[in-house]
Amino acid sequence: MSSTRPVEAPDLLAISNLSLGFSTLDGPVRVLRGIDLTVRAQEKVALVGESGSGKSVTARAIMGLLPERRTMASGSIRFAGRELLGRPAEAEALRGREISMIFQDPTASLNPFFSIRQQFRTVIARGGARHSAEAAEQRMRQALRDVSIPDPERVLGSYSFQLSGGLNQRVMIAMALVNTPKLLIADEPGTALDVTVQEQTLRMMRRLSQQNGTAILFISHNLGVVRQFADRVYVMYAGALVEEGPVQRIFTAPLHPYTRALLASVPRLARPTIPTGIEGSLPDRLKPIQGCAFRPRCSLSISACASEVALVAGAEGHRAACVHVVPPA
């Protein structure tokens, strides 16, 4: 008897060899270096790394929200087979409808000149389906209740500067989820929320993924949340991916020294040792990076690290860009 292998879902989002930089008065700044990243339908993928690693820029590149005149980009960003890089009209047509994003700074992302109700109506209209005024009002109120806002009418009639950072964050989450997008990009969605509402938000995103097949690209500094939430993890350093793999392997058997350093910096109640920080800082992006960018901060650095290191395949879909990684026999 022949066994039938399960067919994997096709990639909903496929980023290939994405390099990106900005022109500045001091010269070109290279922000992303050869990013390869995929997200399948209904999959929850996390992107982690220090501030300045390029996580949020990657998200904005997917959304088509980078300044065209100052941005230098190459590679490919495909969503459901459609190329988005260098095609702002394509990205514009998908934003708020098939791709939504929860921004890290909600107060700056909401327009202070329009009420929350006016902005919410615009988001619902982008969903494509026609709604009566009353039906739209009901959807808005329910969406706000779903993110633990008990007085939606007051919030809808308010402006962003009249609300706290936490309320603005919940409004942004409600707007991002209301049209049940195919892909949700969540950039530090719990930054301004207390732990209880953070957990409610994660549960809501899980439910959306399960019920509607929504894929989620989850950007976070909180490794504990990532471990509970994600299916796969990409680790980013200085604009490049240094490790990727199933969430359990990343946390139990990390391959790259940077990933191990990140995990060692997280306090744990079950671990008697004191968390250790990562000495040094990210490299200067105005200068070219040769070899492994983490080399100046790595205790395992050897001469071979000065050469370009590609992602080396390990076991069970686990890969890392490190000369010390030995492929399985």
C-alpha atoms as a PDB file:
ATOM      1  CA  MET A   1       0.000   0.000   0.000  1.00  0.00           C
ATOM      2  CA  SER A   2       1.285   3.445  -0.826  1.00  0.00           C
ATOM      3  CA  SER A   3       0.949   6.184   1.769  1.00  0.00           C
ATOM      4  CA  THR A   4      -0.348   9.567   0.750  1.00  0.00           C
ATOM      5  CA  ARG A   5       1.671  12.537   1.999  1.00  0.00           C
ATOM      6  CA  PRO A   6      -0.350  15.541   3.224  1.00  0.00           C
ATOM      7  CA  VAL A   7      -0.315  18.387   0.736  1.00  0.00           C
ATOM      8  CA  GLU A   8       1.035  21.601   2.228  1.00  0.00           C
ATOM      9  CA  ALA A   9      -0.948  24.775   1.665  1.00  0.00           C
ATOM     10  CA  PRO A  10       0.593  27.070  -0.949  1.00  0.00           C
ATOM     11  CA  ASP A  11       2.444  30.146   0.236  1.00  0.00           C
ATOM     12  CA  LEU A  12       0.078  33.055   0.760  1.00  0.00           C
ATOM     13  CA  LEU A  13       2.999  35.442   1.217  1.00  0.00           C
ATOM     14  CA  ALA A  14       6.341  34.757  -0.454  1.00  0.00           C
ATOM     15  CA  ILE A  15       9.256  37.173  -0.023  1.00  0.00           C
ATOM     16  CA  SER A  16      12.279  36.298  -2.125  1.00  0.00           C
ATOM     17  CA  ASN A  17      15.774  37.843  -1.932  1.00  0.00           C
ATOM     18  CA  LEU A  18      14.379  41.162  -0.687  1.00  0.00           C
ATOM     19  CA  SER A  19      17.034  43.841  -0.291  1.00  0.00           C
ATOM     20  CA  LEU A  20      16.056  47.356   0.662  1.00  0.00           C
ATOM     21  CA  GLY A  21      17.748  50.621   1.486  1.00  0.00           C
ATOM     22  CA  PHE A  22      17.044  54.317   1.897  1.00  0.00           C
ATOM     23  CA  SER A  23      18.843  57.313   0.466  1.00  0.00           C
ATOM     24  CA  THR A  24      19.860  59.785   3.188  1.00  0.00           C
ATOM     25  CA  LEU A  25      21.955  62.937   3.436  1.00  0.00           C
ATOM     26  CA  ASP A  26      24.763  60.795   4.865  1.00  0.00           C
ATOM     27  CA  GLY A  27      24.552  58.290   2.027  1.00  0.00           C
ATOM     28  CA  PRO A  28      22.594  55.099   1.276  1.00  0.00           C
ATOM     29  CA  VAL A  29      21.505  53.041   4.278  1.00  0.00           C
ATOM     30  CA  ARG A  30      21.062  49.327   3.610  1.00  0.00           C
ATOM     31  CA  VAL A  31      18.220  48.111   5.817  1.00  0.00           C
ATOM     32  CA  LEU A  32      17.289  44.643   4.484  1.00  0.00           C
ATOM     33  CA  ARG A  33      19.749  42.144   3.000  1.00  0.00           C
ATOM     34  CA  GLY A  34      18.417  39.218   0.958  1.00  0.00           C
ATOM     35  CA  ILE A  35      15.300  38.335   2.965  1.00  0.00           C
ATOM     36  CA  ASP A  36      13.526  35.055   2.108  1.00  0.00           C
ATOM     37  CA  LEU A  37      10.310  34.568   4.082  1.00  0.00           C
ATOM     38  CA  THR A  38       7.083  32.655   3.530  1.00  0.00           C
ATOM     39  CA  VAL A  39       3.711  32.507   5.254  1.00  0.00           C
ATOM     40  CA  ARG A  40       1.106  29.901   4.340  1.00  0.00           C
ATOM     41  CA  ALA A  41      -2.659  30.281   4.715  1.00  0.00           C
ATOM     42  CA  GLN A  42      -3.786  29.998   8.339  1.00  0.00           C
ATOM     43  CA  GLU A  43      -0.163  29.852   9.511  1.00  0.00           C
ATOM     44  CA  LYS A  44       1.113  31.954  12.415  1.00  0.00           C
ATOM     45  CA  VAL A  45       4.673  33.086  11.729  1.00  0.00           C
ATOM     46  CA  ALA A  46       6.743  35.205  14.127  1.00  0.00           C
ATOM     47  CA  LEU A  47       9.541  37.609  13.221  1.00  0.00           C
ATOM     48  CA  VAL A  48      11.834  38.411  16.163  1.00  0.00           C
ATOM     49  CA  GLY A  49      15.010  40.370  16.785  1.00  0.00           C
ATOM     50  CA  GLU A  50      16.381  43.457  18.480  1.00  0.00           C
ATOM     51  CA  SER A  51      15.059  46.938  17.760  1.00  0.00           C
ATOM     52  CA  GLY A  52      16.662  48.121  14.536  1.00  0.00           C
ATOM     53  CA  SER A  53      16.909  44.650  13.014  1.00  0.00           C
ATOM     54  CA  GLY A  54      14.513  45.503  10.174  1.00  0.00           C
ATOM     55  CA  LYS A  55      11.311  43.803  11.325  1.00  0.00           C
ATOM     56  CA  SER A  56       8.957  46.776  10.997  1.00  0.00           C
ATOM     57  CA  VAL A  57      10.532  47.850   7.693  1.00  0.00           C
ATOM     58  CA  THR A  58       9.799  44.364   6.341  1.00  0.00           C
ATOM     59  CA  ALA A  59       6.159  44.734   7.385  1.00  0.00           C
ATOM     60  CA  ARG A  60       5.856  48.173   5.789  1.00  0.00           C
ATOM     61  CA  ALA A  61       7.443  46.881   2.588  1.00  0.00           C
ATOM     62  CA  ILE A  62       4.749  44.191   2.382  1.00  0.00           C
ATOM     63  CA  MET A  63       2.052  46.823   2.900  1.00  0.00           C
ATOM     64  CA  GLY A  64       3.588  49.174   0.318  1.00  0.00           C
ATOM     65  CA  LEU A  65       3.975  51.948   2.900  1.00  0.00           C
ATOM     66  CA  LEU A  66       7.588  52.965   2.297  1.00  0.00           C
ATOM     67  CA  PRO A  67       8.471  56.320   0.662  1.00  0.00           C
ATOM     68  CA  GLU A  68       8.926  55.583  -3.052  1.00  0.00           C
ATOM     69  CA  ARG A  69      11.410  58.353  -3.821  1.00  0.00           C
ATOM     70  CA  ARG A  70      13.872  57.463  -1.052  1.00  0.00           C
ATOM     71  CA  THR A  71      13.532  53.685  -1.179  1.00  0.00           C
ATOM     72  CA  MET A  72      15.851  51.416  -3.155  1.00  0.00           C
ATOM     73  CA  ALA A  73      14.509  47.867  -3.360  1.00  0.00           C
ATOM     74  CA  SER A  74      15.123  44.643  -5.250  1.00  0.00           C
ATOM     75  CA  GLY A  75      13.771  41.124  -5.022  1.00  0.00           C
ATOM     76  CA  SER A  76      10.157  40.027  -4.841  1.00  0.00           C
ATOM     77  CA  ILE A  77       7.131  40.288  -2.540  1.00  0.00           C
ATOM     78  CA  ARG A  78       4.275  38.101  -3.774  1.00  0.00           C
ATOM     79  CA  PHE A  79       0.861  37.849  -2.137  1.00  0.00           C
ATOM     80  CA  ALA A  80      -1.470  35.112  -3.410  1.00  0.00           C
ATOM     81  CA  GLY A  81       0.653  35.034  -6.559  1.00  0.00           C
ATOM     82  CA  ARG A  82       0.509  38.813  -7.149  1.00  0.00           C
ATOM     83  CA  GLU A  83       3.737  40.820  -7.189  1.00  0.00           C
ATOM     84  CA  LEU A  84       3.622  43.818  -4.829  1.00  0.00           C
ATOM     85  CA  LEU A  85       7.169  45.186  -4.818  1.00  0.00           C
ATOM     86  CA  GLY A  86       7.369  48.299  -6.962  1.00  0.00           C
ATOM     87  CA  ARG A  87       3.630  48.137  -7.680  1.00  0.00           C
ATOM     88  CA  PRO A  88       1.947  50.586  -5.279  1.00  0.00           C
ATOM     89  CA  ALA A  89      -1.442  50.274  -6.967  1.00  0.00           C
ATOM     90  CA  GLU A  90      -1.484  46.515  -6.281  1.00  0.00           C
ATOM     91  CA  ALA A  91      -0.604  47.032  -2.614  1.00  0.00           C
ATOM     92  CA  GLU A  92      -3.147  49.839  -2.281  1.00  0.00           C
ATOM     93  CA  ALA A  93      -5.923  47.589  -3.610  1.00  0.00           C
ATOM     94  CA  LEU A  94      -5.141  44.917  -0.991  1.00  0.00           C
ATOM     95  CA  ARG A  95      -4.609  47.123   2.077  1.00  0.00           C
ATOM     96  CA  GLY A  96      -7.436  46.946   4.589  1.00  0.00           C
ATOM     97  CA  ARG A  97      -9.171  44.284   2.551  1.00  0.00           C
ATOM     98  CA  GLU A  98      -6.974  41.217   2.091  1.00  0.00           C
ATOM     99  CA  ILE A  99      -3.969  42.448   4.090  1.00  0.00           C
ATOM    100  CA  SER A 100      -4.330  44.364   7.345  1.00  0.00           C
ATOM    101  CA  MET A 101      -1.752  45.623   9.796  1.00  0.00           C
ATOM    102  CA  ILE A 102      -1.738  46.432  13.490  1.00  0.00           C
ATOM    103  CA  PHE A 103       0.830  49.201  13.889  1.00  0.00           C
ATOM    104  CA  GLN A 104       3.239  49.494  16.789  1.00  0.00           C
ATOM    105  CA  ASP A 105       2.417  53.160  17.487  1.00  0.00           C
ATOM    106  CA  PRO A 106      -1.392  53.436  17.360  1.00  0.00           C
ATOM    107  CA  THR A 107      -1.616  57.119  18.316  1.00  0.00           C
ATOM    108  CA  ALA A 108       0.619  58.114  15.402  1.00  0.00           C
ATOM    109  CA  SER A 109      -1.228  55.766  13.027  1.00  0.00           C
ATOM    110  CA  LEU A 110      -4.709  57.167  13.676  1.00  0.00           C
ATOM    111  CA  ASN A 111      -5.615  60.492  12.036  1.00  0.00           C
ATOM    112  CA  PRO A 112      -6.240  63.170  14.714  1.00  0.00           C
ATOM    113  CA  PHE A 113      -8.425  65.224  12.328  1.00  0.00           C
ATOM    114  CA  PHE A 114     -11.101  62.540  11.960  1.00  0.00           C
ATOM    115  CA  SER A 115     -13.184  60.802  14.606  1.00  0.00           C
ATOM    116  CA  ILE A 116     -12.729  57.090  15.265  1.00  0.00           C
ATOM    117  CA  ARG A 117     -16.162  56.526  13.684  1.00  0.00           C
ATOM    118  CA  GLN A 118     -15.150  58.275  10.443  1.00  0.00           C
ATOM    119  CA  GLN A 119     -11.929  56.260  10.188  1.00  0.00           C
ATOM    120  CA  PHE A 120     -13.699  53.006  11.042  1.00  0.00           C
ATOM    121  CA  ARG A 121     -16.287  53.600   8.309  1.00  0.00           C
ATOM    122  CA  THR A 122     -13.484  54.032   5.773  1.00  0.00           C
ATOM    123  CA  VAL A 123     -11.940  50.720   6.845  1.00  0.00           C
ATOM    124  CA  ILE A 124     -15.271  48.878   6.561  1.00  0.00           C
ATOM    125  CA  ALA A 125     -15.875  50.406   3.128  1.00  0.00           C
ATOM    126  CA  ARG A 126     -12.519  49.035   1.949  1.00  0.00           C
ATOM    127  CA  GLY A 127     -13.792  45.542   2.729  1.00  0.00           C
ATOM    128  CA  GLY A 128     -15.755  45.590  -0.513  1.00  0.00           C
ATOM    129  CA  ALA A 129     -19.198  44.520   0.782  1.00  0.00           C
ATOM    130  CA  ARG A 130     -21.983  47.088   0.919  1.00  0.00           C
ATOM    131  CA  HIS A 131     -23.476  47.857   4.322  1.00  0.00           C
ATOM    132  CA  SER A 132     -26.271  50.114   5.429  1.00  0.00           C
ATOM    133  CA  ALA A 133     -25.370  52.859   7.885  1.00  0.00           C
ATOM    134  CA  GLU A 134     -26.968  50.922  10.738  1.00  0.00           C
ATOM    135  CA  ALA A 135     -25.245  47.657   9.785  1.00  0.00           C
ATOM    136  CA  ALA A 136     -21.899  49.457   9.667  1.00  0.00           C
ATOM    137  CA  GLU A 137     -22.578  50.950  13.106  1.00  0.00           C
ATOM    138  CA  GLN A 138     -23.342  47.504  14.513  1.00  0.00           C
ATOM    139  CA  ARG A 139     -20.140  46.050  13.023  1.00  0.00           C
ATOM    140  CA  MET A 140     -18.072  48.876  14.503  1.00  0.00           C
ATOM    141  CA  ARG A 141     -19.588  48.524  17.966  1.00  0.00           C
ATOM    142  CA  GLN A 142     -19.180  44.749  17.982  1.00  0.00           C
ATOM    143  CA  ALA A 143     -15.579  44.989  16.762  1.00  0.00           C
ATOM    144  CA  LEU A 144     -14.757  47.346  19.635  1.00  0.00           C
ATOM    145  CA  ARG A 145     -16.502  45.096  22.165  1.00  0.00           C
ATOM    146  CA  ASP A 146     -14.424  42.188  20.847  1.00  0.00           C
ATOM    147  CA  VAL A 147     -11.273  44.019  21.977  1.00  0.00           C
ATOM    148  CA  SER A 148     -12.676  44.683  25.465  1.00  0.00           C
ATOM    149  CA  ILE A 149     -13.973  48.227  24.927  1.00  0.00           C
ATOM    150  CA  PRO A 150     -17.164  48.329  27.018  1.00  0.00           C
ATOM    151  CA  ASP A 151     -18.360  51.772  25.823  1.00  0.00           C
ATOM    152  CA  PRO A 152     -17.958  51.661  22.029  1.00  0.00           C
ATOM    153  CA  GLU A 153     -20.286  54.614  21.395  1.00  0.00           C
ATOM    154  CA  ARG A 154     -18.074  57.000  23.381  1.00  0.00           C
ATOM    155  CA  VAL A 155     -14.947  55.746  21.637  1.00  0.00           C
ATOM    156  CA  LEU A 156     -16.500  55.994  18.160  1.00  0.00           C
ATOM    157  CA  GLY A 157     -17.390  59.625  18.828  1.00  0.00           C
ATOM    158  CA  SER A 158     -13.893  60.462  20.084  1.00  0.00           C
ATOM    159  CA  TYR A 159     -10.681  61.551  18.379  1.00  0.00           C
ATOM    160  CA  SER A 160      -7.413  59.671  18.871  1.00  0.00           C
ATOM    161  CA  PHE A 161      -5.891  62.444  21.023  1.00  0.00           C
ATOM    162  CA  GLN A 162      -8.840  62.109  23.417  1.00  0.00           C
ATOM    163  CA  LEU A 163      -8.082  58.436  24.069  1.00  0.00           C
ATOM    164  CA  SER A 164      -5.298  56.699  25.954  1.00  0.00           C
ATOM    165  CA  GLY A 165      -2.554  54.789  24.165  1.00  0.00           C
ATOM    166  CA  GLY A 166      -4.125  51.505  25.251  1.00  0.00           C
ATOM    167  CA  LEU A 167      -7.537  52.445  23.848  1.00  0.00           C
ATOM    168  CA  ASN A 168      -6.004  53.605  20.584  1.00  0.00           C
ATOM    169  CA  GLN A 169      -4.168  50.277  20.316  1.00  0.00           C
ATOM    170  CA  ARG A 170      -7.393  48.353  20.792  1.00  0.00           C
ATOM    171  CA  VAL A 171      -9.134  50.527  18.191  1.00  0.00           C
ATOM    172  CA  MET A 172      -6.343  49.727  15.715  1.00  0.00           C
ATOM    173  CA  ILE A 173      -6.689  46.010  16.443  1.00  0.00           C
ATOM    174  CA  ALA A 174     -10.460  46.160  15.927  1.00  0.00           C
ATOM    175  CA  MET A 175     -10.004  47.980  12.596  1.00  0.00           C
ATOM    176  CA  ALA A 176      -7.425  45.462  11.412  1.00  0.00           C
ATOM    177  CA  LEU A 177      -9.673  42.491  12.188  1.00  0.00           C
ATOM    178  CA  VAL A 178     -13.078  43.803  11.110  1.00  0.00           C
ATOM    179  CA  ASN A 179     -12.773  42.789   7.418  1.00  0.00           C
ATOM    180  CA  THR A 180     -11.376  39.292   8.192  1.00  0.00           C
ATOM    181  CA  PRO A 181      -8.249  39.695   6.048  1.00  0.00           C
ATOM    182  CA  LYS A 182      -6.324  36.810   4.501  1.00  0.00           C
ATOM    183  CA  LEU A 183      -3.103  38.114   6.060  1.00  0.00           C
ATOM    184  CA  LEU A 184      -2.785  40.051   9.304  1.00  0.00           C
ATOM    185  CA  ILE A 185       0.530  41.716  10.093  1.00  0.00           C
ATOM    186  CA  ALA A 186       0.760  42.404  13.825  1.00  0.00           C
ATOM    187  CA  ASP A 187       3.658  44.707  14.716  1.00  0.00           C
ATOM    188  CA  GLU A 188       4.042  44.506  18.508  1.00  0.00           C
ATOM    189  CA  PRO A 189       0.236  44.492  18.992  1.00  0.00           C
ATOM    190  CA  GLY A 190       0.429  44.354  22.793  1.00  0.00           C
ATOM    191  CA  THR A 191       2.862  47.236  23.334  1.00  0.00           C
ATOM    192  CA  ALA A 192       0.352  49.610  24.947  1.00  0.00           C
ATOM    193  CA  LEU A 193      -1.886  46.976  26.540  1.00  0.00           C
ATOM    194  CA  ASP A 194      -1.900  45.346  29.940  1.00  0.00           C
ATOM    195  CA  VAL A 195      -1.224  41.607  30.096  1.00  0.00           C
ATOM    196  CA  THR A 196      -4.919  40.678  30.392  1.00  0.00           C
ATOM    197  CA  VAL A 197      -5.923  42.539  27.234  1.00  0.00           C
ATOM    198  CA  GLN A 198      -2.786  41.246  25.488  1.00  0.00           C
ATOM    199  CA  GLU A 199      -3.945  37.690  26.122  1.00  0.00           C
ATOM    200  CA  GLN A 200      -7.462  38.533  24.912  1.00  0.00           C
ATOM    201  CA  THR A 201      -5.980  40.003  21.732  1.00  0.00           C
ATOM    202  CA  LEU A 202      -3.878  36.895  21.082  1.00  0.00           C
ATOM    203  CA  ARG A 203      -6.904  34.654  21.627  1.00  0.00           C
ATOM    204  CA  MET A 204      -8.864  36.772  19.161  1.00  0.00           C
ATOM    205  CA  MET A 205      -6.127  36.501  16.536  1.00  0.00           C
ATOM    206  CA  ARG A 206      -5.936  32.724  17.048  1.00  0.00           C
ATOM    207  CA  ARG A 207      -9.702  32.464  16.586  1.00  0.00           C
ATOM    208  CA  LEU A 208      -9.566  34.560  13.423  1.00  0.00           C
ATOM    209  CA  SER A 209      -6.839  32.323  12.045  1.00  0.00           C
ATOM    210  CA  GLN A 210      -8.764  29.132  12.812  1.00  0.00           C
ATOM    211  CA  GLN A 211     -12.209  30.290  11.697  1.00  0.00           C
ATOM    212  CA  ASN A 212     -11.337  32.270   8.578  1.00  0.00           C
ATOM    213  CA  GLY A 213      -7.987  30.833   7.524  1.00  0.00           C
ATOM    214  CA  THR A 214      -6.270  34.138   8.207  1.00  0.00           C
ATOM    215  CA  ALA A 215      -2.494  33.949   8.210  1.00  0.00           C
ATOM    216  CA  ILE A 216      -0.609  36.056  10.749  1.00  0.00           C
ATOM    217  CA  LEU A 217       2.862  37.575  10.587  1.00  0.00           C
ATOM    218  CA  PHE A 218       3.544  38.392  14.226  1.00  0.00           C
ATOM    219  CA  ILE A 219       6.362  40.830  15.050  1.00  0.00           C
ATOM    220  CA  SER A 220       7.336  40.885  18.708  1.00  0.00           C
ATOM    221  CA  HIS A 221      10.120  41.380  21.222  1.00  0.00           C
ATOM    222  CA  ASN A 222       8.241  39.180  23.694  1.00  0.00           C
ATOM    223  CA  LEU A 223       9.751  35.731  23.176  1.00  0.00           C
ATOM    224  CA  GLY A 224       7.437  34.183  25.758  1.00  0.00           C
ATOM    225  CA  VAL A 225       4.390  35.262  23.743  1.00  0.00           C
ATOM    226  CA  VAL A 226       6.027  34.091  20.511  1.00  0.00           C
ATOM    227  CA  ARG A 227       6.590  30.622  21.951  1.00  0.00           C
ATOM    228  CA  GLN A 228       2.916  30.285  22.864  1.00  0.00           C
ATOM    229  CA  PHE A 229       1.512  31.849  19.699  1.00  0.00           C
ATOM    230  CA  ALA A 230       3.607  31.035  16.610  1.00  0.00           C
ATOM    231  CA  ASP A 231       3.930  27.948  14.421  1.00  0.00           C
ATOM    232  CA  ARG A 232       7.255  29.021  12.890  1.00  0.00           C
ATOM    233  CA  VAL A 233       9.830  31.666  13.796  1.00  0.00           C
ATOM    234  CA  TYR A 234      12.237  33.808  11.786  1.00  0.00           C
ATOM    235  CA  VAL A 235      15.097  35.446  13.695  1.00  0.00           C
ATOM    236  CA  MET A 236      16.386  38.685  12.167  1.00  0.00           C
ATOM    237  CA  TYR A 237      19.653  40.505  12.849  1.00  0.00           C
ATOM    238  CA  ALA A 238      20.955  43.654  11.126  1.00  0.00           C
ATOM    239  CA  GLY A 239      18.552  43.319   8.207  1.00  0.00           C
ATOM    240  CA  ALA A 240      19.176  39.632   7.484  1.00  0.00           C
ATOM    241  CA  LEU A 241      17.581  36.380   8.598  1.00  0.00           C
ATOM    242  CA  VAL A 242      19.971  34.345  10.738  1.00  0.00           C
ATOM    243  CA  GLU A 243      17.680  31.481  11.733  1.00  0.00           C
ATOM    244  CA  GLU A 244      14.288  30.012  10.940  1.00  0.00           C
ATOM    245  CA  GLY A 245      12.391  26.925  12.008  1.00  0.00           C
ATOM    246  CA  PRO A 246       9.460  25.425  13.903  1.00  0.00           C
ATOM    247  CA  VAL A 247       8.802  27.291  17.121  1.00  0.00           C
ATOM    248  CA  GLN A 248       9.667  24.377  19.418  1.00  0.00           C
ATOM    249  CA  ARG A 249      13.038  23.780  17.769  1.00  0.00           C
ATOM    250  CA  ILE A 250      13.933  27.464  17.893  1.00  0.00           C
ATOM    251  CA  PHE A 251      13.308  27.555  21.634  1.00  0.00           C
ATOM    252  CA  THR A 252      14.637  24.140  22.640  1.00  0.00           C
ATOM    253  CA  ALA A 253      17.553  23.708  20.203  1.00  0.00           C
ATOM    254  CA  PRO A 254      18.577  27.124  18.784  1.00  0.00           C
ATOM    255  CA  LEU A 255      21.379  26.918  16.225  1.00  0.00           C
ATOM    256  CA  HIS A 256      22.609  30.485  15.816  1.00  0.00           C
ATOM    257  CA  PRO A 257      24.628  32.209  18.585  1.00  0.00           C
ATOM    258  CA  TYR A 258      22.423  35.296  18.245  1.00  0.00           C
ATOM    259  CA  THR A 259      19.253  33.281  18.861  1.00  0.00           C
ATOM    260  CA  ARG A 260      20.859  31.666  21.914  1.00  0.00           C
ATOM    261  CA  ALA A 261      21.888  35.104  23.170  1.00  0.00           C
ATOM    262  CA  LEU A 262      18.337  36.414  22.760  1.00  0.00           C
ATOM    263  CA  LEU A 263      16.932  33.494  24.739  1.00  0.00           C
ATOM    264  CA  ALA A 264      19.586  33.900  27.453  1.00  0.00           C
ATOM    265  CA  SER A 265      18.548  37.530  27.913  1.00  0.00           C
ATOM    266  CA  VAL A 266      14.970  36.595  28.855  1.00  0.00           C
ATOM    267  CA  PRO A 267      14.280  36.177  32.606  1.00  0.00           C
ATOM    268  CA  ARG A 268      12.621  32.878  33.537  1.00  0.00           C
ATOM    269  CA  LEU A 269      11.176  31.821  36.851  1.00  0.00           C
ATOM    270  CA  ALA A 270      12.281  28.214  36.297  1.00  0.00           C
ATOM    271  CA  ARG A 271      15.880  29.194  35.565  1.00  0.00           C
ATOM    272  CA  PRO A 272      18.102  30.041  38.562  1.00  0.00           C
ATOM    273  CA  THR A 273      20.705  31.890  36.490  1.00  0.00           C
ATOM    274  CA  ILE A 274      20.574  35.656  35.996  1.00  0.00           C
ATOM    275  CA  PRO A 275      19.617  36.783  32.468  1.00  0.00           C
ATOM    276  CA  THR A 276      22.589  38.018  30.461  1.00  0.00           C
ATOM    277  CA  GLY A 277      22.470  40.925  28.035  1.00  0.00           C
ATOM    278  CA  ILE A 278      24.084  40.970  24.605  1.00  0.00           C
ATOM    279  CA  GLU A 279      27.218  43.085  24.662  1.00  0.00           C
ATOM    280  CA  GLY A 280      27.884  45.543  21.856  1.00  0.00           C
ATOM    281  CA  SER A 281      25.404  47.040  19.412  1.00  0.00           C
ATOM    282  CA  LEU A 282      24.041  46.606  15.903  1.00  0.00           C
ATOM    283  CA  PRO A 283      26.468  47.454  13.077  1.00  0.00           C
ATOM    284  CA  ASP A 284      26.507  50.858  11.379  1.00  0.00           C
ATOM    285  CA  ARG A 285      24.192  50.555   8.360  1.00  0.00           C
ATOM    286  CA  LEU A 286      26.096  53.264   6.486  1.00  0.00           C
ATOM    287  CA  LYS A 287      29.046  50.887   6.262  1.00  0.00           C
ATOM    288  CA  PRO A 288      29.027  47.645   4.237  1.00  0.00           C
ATOM    289  CA  ILE A 289      28.629  44.446   6.245  1.00  0.00           C
ATOM    290  CA  GLN A 290      31.040  41.657   5.395  1.00  0.00           C
ATOM    291  CA  GLY A 291      30.372  38.111   6.499  1.00  0.00           C
ATOM    292  CA  CYS A 292      28.262  37.450   9.580  1.00  0.00           C
ATOM    293  CA  ALA A 293      26.954  40.744  10.963  1.00  0.00           C
ATOM    294  CA  PHE A 294      26.858  39.275  14.486  1.00  0.00           C
ATOM    295  CA  ARG A 295      30.583  38.437  14.361  1.00  0.00           C
ATOM    296  CA  PRO A 296      31.826  41.436  16.449  1.00  0.00           C
ATOM    297  CA  ARG A 297      29.474  40.457  19.306  1.00  0.00           C
ATOM    298  CA  CYS A 298      29.864  36.682  19.087  1.00  0.00           C
ATOM    299  CA  SER A 299      32.087  34.681  21.444  1.00  0.00           C
ATOM    300  CA  LEU A 300      32.274  31.852  18.877  1.00  0.00           C
ATOM    301  CA  SER A 301      33.586  34.047  16.069  1.00  0.00           C
ATOM    302  CA  ILE A 302      36.349  32.547  13.885  1.00  0.00           C
ATOM    303  CA  SER A 303      38.066  33.686  10.697  1.00  0.00           C
ATOM    304  CA  ALA A 304      35.516  31.858   8.505  1.00  0.00           C
ATOM    305  CA  CYS A 305      32.789  34.157   9.859  1.00  0.00           C
ATOM    306  CA  ALA A 306      34.278  37.011   7.814  1.00  0.00           C
ATOM    307  CA  SER A 307      32.934  35.332   4.673  1.00  0.00           C
ATOM    308  CA  GLU A 308      29.305  35.391   3.567  1.00  0.00           C
ATOM    309  CA  VAL A 309      27.324  32.684   5.384  1.00  0.00           C
ATOM    310  CA  ALA A 310      24.134  31.294   3.848  1.00  0.00           C
ATOM    311  CA  LEU A 311      21.331  29.593   5.754  1.00  0.00           C
ATOM    312  CA  VAL A 312      22.376  25.988   6.375  1.00  0.00           C
ATOM    313  CA  ALA A 313      19.651  23.365   6.637  1.00  0.00           C
ATOM    314  CA  GLY A 314      19.364  21.458   9.889  1.00  0.00           C
ATOM    315  CA  ALA A 315      16.726  18.953  10.948  1.00  0.00           C
ATOM    316  CA  GLU A 316      12.947  19.320  10.557  1.00  0.00           C
ATOM    317  CA  GLY A 317      12.967  22.511   8.506  1.00  0.00           C
ATOM    318  CA  HIS A 318      15.367  24.233  10.889  1.00  0.00           C
ATOM    319  CA  ARG A 319      18.004  26.492   9.255  1.00  0.00           C
ATOM    320  CA  ALA A 320      20.647  28.930  10.480  1.00  0.00           C
ATOM    321  CA  ALA A 321      23.274  31.160   8.887  1.00  0.00           C
ATOM    322  CA  CYS A 322      26.295  30.103  10.944  1.00  0.00           C
ATOM    323  CA  VAL A 323      29.557  28.354  10.046  1.00  0.00           C
ATOM    324  CA  HIS A 324      29.192  26.182  13.157  1.00  0.00           C
ATOM    325  CA  VAL A 325      25.948  24.591  11.908  1.00  0.00           C
ATOM    326  CA  VAL A 326      26.572  21.103  10.552  1.00  0.00           C
ATOM    327  CA  PRO A 327      23.980  19.754   8.100  1.00  0.00           C
ATOM    328  CA  PRO A 328      22.421  16.425   9.131  1.00  0.00           C
ATOM    329  CA  ALA A 329      23.899  13.359   7.449  1.00  0.00           C
END
